[in-house]
Structures are given as structure tokens and as C-alpha cells.
């Protein structure tokens, strides 16, 4: 078998490693990329995937085996080892990516919720839109999180509703605040590609605390049953409902 053919088999082995990562350890990463759709993070992960595939190809060049099956096993070992060593601990992406405050618009529409007007979205001042940073900042953040074995976003927000209008979101937040006996109600910034402002219970907290708060507010009867958790990394509070 020629060096070129061994190189091709090595590339196939590297691609197999990437596919395994997609459905295994990096499944949450891929879901998070779909959720945030940040170009910097997507490009970084694509670059890491490309390097992994090339490592397989390079391994193929030095393979002594001649049988394709043995070459695949040999070539997959090195990129798999490197990927495992550099793979950070991951957390699940949002558990409700189909909710209108989380789901990016596709072709200008969102199924079941009507048309999202880009002109309407353009009317929102920058302070109401979540700041996901520049391409370079996103790329650097993804690299730091990946190689430093850090969690990309360890906090979750408890979302009790959403409104397309910021003013309506504030009114609903005030209404929830009048019925809440313990927690402050806030409105979060909206994602750049989504026209809905999320109404949150307090501010983002750790997963266990968020889950406890969700169960508590639903149990009190004033929060809807479809209250959910979101770990969108760039969400900040832009309005705090008036105290009761």
C-alpha cells in the first residue's frame, strides 16, 4: 500500500474519531454551538476537528500495517489520545432549545410563533441585545475553555416566560414579581438572532440551585408549568422588576 493510500486511510480514521466525539463526549459542545451560533466558537471547533483528522492522516504515513482495518485502528489511536487529553469537562446545552426565546430564526420564521421581523429586531438598542463579543473574542474564549479544561458556562437561568416587546416583558415581570413571595423577577437580554426577551427568576445560578428554584416557583402556582432552564452563556439582566 502506498504512502498516499495510508494517508487517506488515516484521514478516514481521524474522521471516525470526530464522529465518535460528536455523539459522545462533545455532544453537548455541538448542541451548545447550535444554541449560540457564535462564529468564533464554530470556527475554533471546526479547526480542532480539522487538526484531529490531519493527525490521523499523518499517523497513516508512518503506519507499518498494510491491511486497511489495522491501519484504521493504528491511525485512530493518536488523534483519539490527543482529543481525550485536551477535551474539557462539558455541561449540557440548554434543555429547551426549541423554546421561542432560545431558538434562532430560520428563514425569517419560527414555527408556531409567526414571523420575526428583522426591522423590529433592528429597533432594539444595543443594551437590550446580549453581547456575544467579537469573532476574535469568541475564538479566544473557546480556545481557553477547551484547553484549560474549564466549563464554558456553569450557570443556568430559570425562564418563566418571554415577550417579543421589551415593554411587555417588563410588564409581565412586574406581574410575576407581585405574585412571587421570595425571588426577584428580572428580564434578560435577548439573543442577537432571537426577537424574544426572556423573563427570569432572579439571575443565573448553578444548575442545582436553578433546578430547585424552578420546582419551587412552579409549586407555588404563579410560574407556568413550561418554565425551563437555560445556560445560554451571554445572558445578562437588563431589567429588575419593582419590589412588592
Protein backbone atom coordinates (compact mmCIF):
# COMPACT_ATOMS: atom_id res chain seq x y z
CA UNK A 1 0.00 0.00 0.00
CA UNK A 2 1.39 3.40 -0.99
CA UNK A 3 2.03 6.25 1.45
CA UNK A 4 -0.78 8.23 -0.18
CA UNK A 5 -3.27 5.45 0.39
CA UNK A 6 -2.13 5.07 4.01
CA UNK A 7 -2.59 8.83 4.40
CA UNK A 8 -6.16 8.57 3.07
CA UNK A 9 -6.96 5.70 5.44
CA UNK A 10 -5.51 7.81 8.25
CA UNK A 11 -7.78 10.71 7.34
CA UNK A 12 -10.73 8.33 7.46
CA UNK A 13 -9.64 7.20 10.92
CA UNK A 14 -9.43 10.82 12.08
CA UNK A 15 -12.88 11.49 10.67
CA UNK A 16 -14.18 8.45 12.57
CA UNK A 17 -12.76 9.91 15.80
CA UNK A 18 -14.61 13.18 15.12
CA UNK A 19 -17.88 11.32 14.51
CA UNK A 20 -17.45 9.46 17.80
CA UNK A 21 -16.83 12.78 19.57
CA UNK A 22 -19.97 14.25 18.04
CA UNK A 23 -22.19 11.56 19.51
CA UNK A 24 -20.12 11.08 22.67
CA UNK A 25 -18.00 13.48 24.76
CA UNK A 26 -18.55 16.52 22.53
CA UNK A 27 -22.27 16.02 22.01
CA UNK A 28 -23.02 18.83 24.48
CA UNK A 29 -20.49 21.05 22.71
CA UNK A 30 -22.17 20.60 19.36
CA UNK A 31 -25.57 21.35 20.89
CA UNK A 32 -24.16 24.46 22.53
CA UNK A 33 -22.73 25.62 19.20
CA UNK A 34 -26.16 25.21 17.62
CA UNK A 35 -27.69 27.13 20.52
CA UNK A 36 -25.32 30.10 20.46
CA UNK A 37 -24.35 30.02 16.75
CA UNK A 38 -21.22 32.06 17.55
CA UNK A 39 -18.94 32.19 14.52
CA UNK A 40 -15.75 32.33 16.58
CA UNK A 41 -16.63 29.23 18.58
CA UNK A 42 -17.81 27.35 15.48
CA UNK A 43 -14.60 28.17 13.58
CA UNK A 44 -12.48 27.11 16.57
CA UNK A 45 -14.23 23.76 16.90
CA UNK A 46 -14.01 23.22 13.12
CA UNK A 47 -10.27 23.93 13.33
CA UNK A 48 -9.85 21.45 16.18
CA UNK A 49 -11.77 18.87 14.17
CA UNK A 50 -9.60 19.50 11.10
CA UNK A 51 -6.41 19.09 13.14
CA UNK A 52 -7.75 15.83 14.59
CA UNK A 53 -8.43 14.48 11.10
CA UNK A 54 -4.97 15.54 9.90
CA UNK A 55 -3.35 13.80 12.86
CA UNK A 56 -5.00 10.63 11.65
CA UNK A 57 -3.60 11.18 8.18
CA UNK A 58 -0.09 11.82 9.49
CA UNK A 59 -0.31 8.66 11.58
CA UNK A 60 -1.20 6.79 8.40
CA UNK A 61 2.00 7.95 6.72
CA UNK A 62 4.06 6.27 9.45
CA UNK A 63 1.88 3.17 9.72
CA UNK A 64 3.64 -0.13 9.10
CA UNK A 65 0.39 -2.02 8.58
CA UNK A 66 -0.90 -2.98 5.16
CA UNK A 67 -4.41 -4.14 5.99
CA UNK A 68 -6.98 -1.27 5.96
CA UNK A 69 -8.61 -2.40 9.20
CA UNK A 70 -5.32 -2.41 11.09
CA UNK A 71 -4.38 0.96 9.62
CA UNK A 72 -7.66 2.45 10.82
CA UNK A 73 -7.09 1.18 14.35
CA UNK A 74 -3.49 2.40 14.40
CA UNK A 75 -4.30 5.82 12.94
CA UNK A 76 -7.27 6.44 15.23
CA UNK A 77 -5.20 5.87 18.37
CA UNK A 78 -3.12 9.06 18.29
CA UNK A 79 -5.87 11.62 17.44
CA UNK A 80 -8.17 9.90 19.95
CA UNK A 81 -5.50 10.19 22.66
CA UNK A 82 -4.88 13.87 21.90
CA UNK A 83 -8.63 14.61 21.82
CA UNK A 84 -9.18 12.86 25.14
CA UNK A 85 -6.28 14.68 26.80
CA UNK A 86 -7.45 18.10 25.64
CA UNK A 87 -11.21 17.60 25.99
CA UNK A 88 -12.63 19.78 28.77
CA UNK A 89 -15.42 18.86 31.10
CA UNK A 90 -18.66 19.78 29.38
CA UNK A 91 -22.12 20.68 30.56
CA UNK A 92 -25.39 20.07 28.73
CA UNK A 93 -26.68 22.72 26.37
CA UNK A 94 -30.00 24.36 27.12
CA UNK A 95 -32.64 21.77 27.96
CA UNK A 96 -35.21 23.74 25.94
CA UNK A 97 -33.56 24.90 22.72
CA UNK A 98 -36.92 24.81 20.91
CA UNK A 99 -38.45 27.50 23.16
CA UNK A 100 -39.00 30.75 21.29
CA UNK A 101 -36.61 32.76 23.49
CA UNK A 102 -33.84 30.25 22.72
CA UNK A 103 -34.40 29.15 19.14
CA UNK A 104 -32.71 31.14 16.35
CA UNK A 105 -34.92 32.26 13.49
CA UNK A 106 -34.74 30.14 10.33
CA UNK A 107 -35.60 31.83 7.08
CA UNK A 108 -37.29 34.66 8.96
CA UNK A 109 -39.85 32.46 10.71
CA UNK A 110 -40.27 30.46 13.85
CA UNK A 111 -42.67 27.55 13.67
CA UNK A 112 -45.77 28.20 15.71
CA UNK A 113 -44.84 31.72 16.69
CA UNK A 114 -45.21 33.66 13.45
CA UNK A 115 -42.78 35.80 11.51
CA UNK A 116 -39.83 37.51 13.17
CA UNK A 117 -39.27 40.90 11.62
CA UNK A 118 -35.66 41.87 11.15
CA UNK A 119 -36.80 45.50 11.08
CA UNK A 120 -38.37 45.05 14.52
CA UNK A 121 -35.20 43.48 15.87
CA UNK A 122 -33.15 46.37 14.49
CA UNK A 123 -35.18 48.82 16.61
CA UNK A 124 -33.82 47.43 19.87
CA UNK A 125 -30.91 49.47 21.26
CA UNK A 126 -27.62 47.60 21.72
CA UNK A 127 -28.03 47.43 25.50
CA UNK A 128 -31.05 45.13 25.13
CA UNK A 129 -29.21 42.61 22.96
CA UNK A 130 -26.84 40.08 24.51
CA UNK A 131 -23.22 40.94 23.80
CA UNK A 132 -21.53 37.80 22.46
CA UNK A 133 -18.28 39.63 21.75
CA UNK A 134 -16.30 39.91 18.54
CA UNK A 135 -15.16 36.98 16.41
CA UNK A 136 -11.69 37.12 17.96
CA UNK A 137 -13.09 37.24 21.50
CA UNK A 138 -15.36 34.27 20.81
CA UNK A 139 -12.48 32.30 19.28
CA UNK A 140 -10.15 33.08 22.19
CA UNK A 141 -12.81 32.20 24.76
CA UNK A 142 -13.48 28.87 23.04
CA UNK A 143 -9.75 28.06 22.94
CA UNK A 144 -9.27 28.98 26.60
CA UNK A 145 -12.23 26.89 27.70
CA UNK A 146 -11.19 23.93 25.54
CA UNK A 147 -7.52 23.67 26.51
CA UNK A 148 -7.81 24.85 30.12
CA UNK A 149 -10.44 22.21 30.88
CA UNK A 150 -12.87 24.90 32.06
CA UNK A 151 -16.63 24.87 31.93
CA UNK A 152 -17.91 27.19 29.22
CA UNK A 153 -20.94 28.28 31.20
CA UNK A 154 -21.55 26.93 34.71
CA UNK A 155 -24.72 28.93 35.36
CA UNK A 156 -28.38 28.50 34.48
CA UNK A 157 -31.28 30.93 34.31
CA UNK A 158 -34.83 29.97 35.31
CA UNK A 159 -37.06 31.24 32.48
CA UNK A 160 -40.77 31.68 33.28
CA UNK A 161 -41.81 33.33 30.03
CA UNK A 162 -40.79 35.58 27.15
CA UNK A 163 -42.13 38.52 25.17
CA UNK A 164 -41.22 39.99 21.83
CA UNK A 165 -41.63 43.51 23.18
CA UNK A 166 -39.27 44.69 25.91
CA UNK A 167 -42.04 46.82 27.40
CA UNK A 168 -44.39 43.83 27.56
CA UNK A 169 -41.62 41.74 29.08
CA UNK A 170 -41.23 44.34 31.83
CA UNK A 171 -44.97 44.38 32.49
CA UNK A 172 -45.07 40.59 32.78
CA UNK A 173 -42.02 40.65 35.03
CA UNK A 174 -43.75 43.18 37.31
CA UNK A 175 -46.83 40.95 37.38
CA UNK A 176 -44.76 37.90 38.31
CA UNK A 177 -42.97 39.97 40.95
CA UNK A 178 -46.26 40.84 42.64
CA UNK A 179 -47.02 37.14 42.99
CA UNK A 180 -43.55 35.94 43.88
CA UNK A 181 -43.06 35.63 47.62
CA UNK A 182 -39.32 35.10 47.64
CA UNK A 183 -37.47 35.76 44.39
CA UNK A 184 -36.79 38.85 42.37
CA UNK A 185 -38.05 38.74 38.78
CA UNK A 186 -35.84 40.04 36.00
CA UNK A 187 -35.78 40.42 32.23
CA UNK A 188 -32.73 39.18 30.38
CA UNK A 189 -31.17 40.48 27.19
CA UNK A 190 -32.34 38.77 24.04
CA UNK A 191 -30.09 36.70 21.83
CA UNK A 192 -28.92 38.58 18.71
CA UNK A 193 -30.78 36.20 16.38
CA UNK A 194 -33.94 35.86 18.51
CA UNK A 195 -36.68 38.50 18.89
CA UNK A 196 -37.90 37.43 22.37
CA UNK A 197 -36.83 38.75 25.75
CA UNK A 198 -36.72 36.06 28.48
CA UNK A 199 -38.36 36.70 31.86
CA UNK A 200 -36.20 35.17 34.56
CA UNK A 201 -36.43 34.33 38.23
CA UNK A 202 -33.51 36.25 39.69
CA UNK A 203 -30.15 35.93 37.96
CA UNK A 204 -28.28 32.91 36.53
CA UNK A 205 -27.14 30.45 39.22
CA UNK A 206 -25.63 26.95 39.37
CA UNK A 207 -27.58 24.02 37.95
CA UNK A 208 -28.76 22.51 41.23
CA UNK A 209 -29.94 25.85 42.61
CA UNK A 210 -31.71 26.66 39.35
CA UNK A 211 -33.49 23.29 39.35
CA UNK A 212 -34.60 23.82 42.96
CA UNK A 213 -35.91 27.31 42.16
CA UNK A 214 -37.78 26.02 39.12
CA UNK A 215 -39.55 23.36 41.16
CA UNK A 216 -40.33 25.82 43.94
CA UNK A 217 -41.87 28.56 41.78
CA UNK A 218 -43.95 26.08 39.79
CA UNK A 219 -45.14 24.57 43.05
CA UNK A 220 -46.20 28.00 44.29
CA UNK A 221 -48.63 28.21 41.38
CA UNK A 222 -47.62 31.51 39.83
CA UNK A 223 -44.96 30.18 37.43
CA UNK A 224 -46.20 28.31 34.34
CA UNK A 225 -45.63 24.58 34.05
CA UNK A 226 -43.41 25.07 30.99
CA UNK A 227 -40.83 27.04 33.00
CA UNK A 228 -37.41 25.87 31.86
CA UNK A 229 -33.67 26.25 32.45
CA UNK A 230 -31.30 27.94 30.03
CA UNK A 231 -27.50 28.03 30.15
CA UNK A 232 -27.05 30.49 27.31
CA UNK A 233 -23.66 31.90 28.23
CA UNK A 234 -24.12 35.57 27.29
CA UNK A 235 -27.42 36.37 29.02
CA UNK A 236 -27.40 39.29 31.45
CA UNK A 237 -30.11 41.09 33.40
CA UNK A 238 -31.38 44.28 31.73
CA UNK A 239 -34.42 44.95 33.94
CA UNK A 240 -35.31 44.17 37.55
CA UNK A 241 -39.00 44.17 38.40
CA UNK A 242 -40.12 46.59 41.07
CA UNK A 243 -40.13 45.14 44.59
CA UNK A 244 -43.54 44.28 46.02
